Amino acid sequence: MAMRMSLEIVTGVAAGGLIGWGFDQWLGTAPWFLLAFVLLGAMAGIRNVIRIAAEVERGSDDVKDENGASGRNGSRSDERDQ
């Protein structure tokens, strides 16, 4: 899971950098689009990491519910399904 999270950030920065570099080459505005898109890519990567961490957190609550312990809202999984 940690590898996936780090890959999300690296991929976001790399994709943003390539897109920004392409716009700079096309429009002759170096380095402004590169900087802007690297920042946007980093923000997208961080957003994805937060989303993944939330999914993992929800998954651990589901495991607790299946074992009979209470989850976030204090109800068992069979009570929520009804």
Protein backbone atom coordinates (compact mmCIF):
# COMPACT_ATOMS: atom_id res chain seq x y z
CA MET A 1 0.00 0.00 0.00
CA ALA A 2 2.86 2.38 0.77
CA MET A 3 4.33 1.70 -2.67
CA ARG A 4 1.00 2.59 -4.28
CA MET A 5 0.76 5.81 -2.29
CA SER A 6 4.27 6.94 -3.19
CA LEU A 7 3.68 6.00 -6.81
CA GLU A 8 0.55 8.18 -6.87
CA ILE A 9 2.56 11.26 -5.90
CA VAL A 10 5.45 10.51 -8.27
CA THR A 11 3.07 9.82 -11.15
CA GLY A 12 1.13 13.03 -10.50
CA VAL A 13 4.28 15.15 -10.47
CA ALA A 14 5.71 13.43 -13.56
CA ALA A 15 2.48 13.73 -15.55
CA GLY A 16 2.10 17.38 -14.55
CA GLY A 17 5.71 18.06 -15.46
CA LEU A 18 5.34 16.50 -18.90
CA ILE A 19 2.13 18.37 -19.64
CA GLY A 20 3.61 21.66 -18.42
CA TRP A 21 6.82 21.12 -20.39
CA GLY A 22 4.76 20.40 -23.50
CA PHE A 23 2.76 23.60 -23.13
CA ASP A 24 5.95 25.59 -22.52
CA GLN A 25 7.56 24.19 -25.65
CA TRP A 26 4.45 24.85 -27.70
CA LEU A 27 3.78 28.36 -26.41
CA GLY A 28 7.35 29.45 -25.59
CA THR A 29 6.48 30.40 -22.01
CA ALA A 30 9.14 28.40 -20.13
CA PRO A 31 9.09 27.68 -17.18
CA TRP A 32 5.65 28.92 -16.14
CA PHE A 33 3.42 26.09 -17.34
CA LEU A 34 5.98 23.55 -16.11
CA LEU A 35 5.88 24.99 -12.60
CA ALA A 36 2.11 25.31 -12.56
CA PHE A 37 1.46 21.78 -13.78
CA VAL A 38 4.06 20.23 -11.46
CA LEU A 39 2.24 21.86 -8.55
CA LEU A 40 -1.14 20.69 -9.88
CA GLY A 41 0.23 17.18 -10.33
CA ALA A 42 1.60 17.15 -6.78
CA MET A 43 -1.76 18.29 -5.42
CA ALA A 44 -3.56 15.59 -7.40
CA GLY A 45 -1.14 12.97 -6.11
CA ILE A 46 -1.59 14.07 -2.51
CA ARG A 47 -5.37 14.06 -2.98
CA ASN A 48 -5.18 10.49 -4.25
CA VAL A 49 -3.03 9.45 -1.28
CA ILE A 50 -5.60 10.92 1.12
CA ARG A 51 -8.38 9.08 -0.73
CA ILE A 52 -6.45 5.79 -0.57
CA ALA A 53 -5.76 6.25 3.14
CA ALA A 54 -9.46 6.86 3.76
CA GLU A 55 -10.34 3.67 1.87
CA VAL A 56 -7.83 1.71 3.96
CA GLU A 57 -9.30 3.23 7.13
CA ARG A 58 -12.82 2.25 6.07
CA GLY A 59 -11.58 -1.23 5.25
CA SER A 60 -10.11 -1.70 8.72
CA ASP A 61 -13.43 -0.63 10.29
CA ASP A 62 -15.25 -3.23 8.19
CA VAL A 63 -12.90 -5.94 9.44
CA LYS A 64 -13.59 -4.89 13.03
CA ASP A 65 -17.35 -5.03 12.35
CA GLU A 66 -17.14 -8.53 10.93
CA ASN A 67 -15.38 -9.71 14.09
CA GLY A 68 -18.17 -8.37 16.28
CA ALA A 69 -16.50 -5.22 17.52
CA SER A 70 -18.12 -1.87 16.99
CA GLY A 71 -17.09 0.34 14.09
CA ARG A 72 -17.15 4.12 13.74
CA ASN A 73 -20.83 4.52 14.49
CA GLY A 74 -21.03 1.82 17.16
CA SER A 75 -23.29 -0.52 15.21
CA ARG A 76 -22.54 -4.00 13.99
CA SER A 77 -22.43 -4.71 10.25
CA ASP A 78 -25.58 -6.87 10.32
CA GLU A 79 -27.52 -4.00 11.94
CA ARG A 80 -26.44 -1.54 9.23
CA ASP A 81 -27.53 -3.87 6.43
CA GLN A 82 -31.15 -3.93 7.64
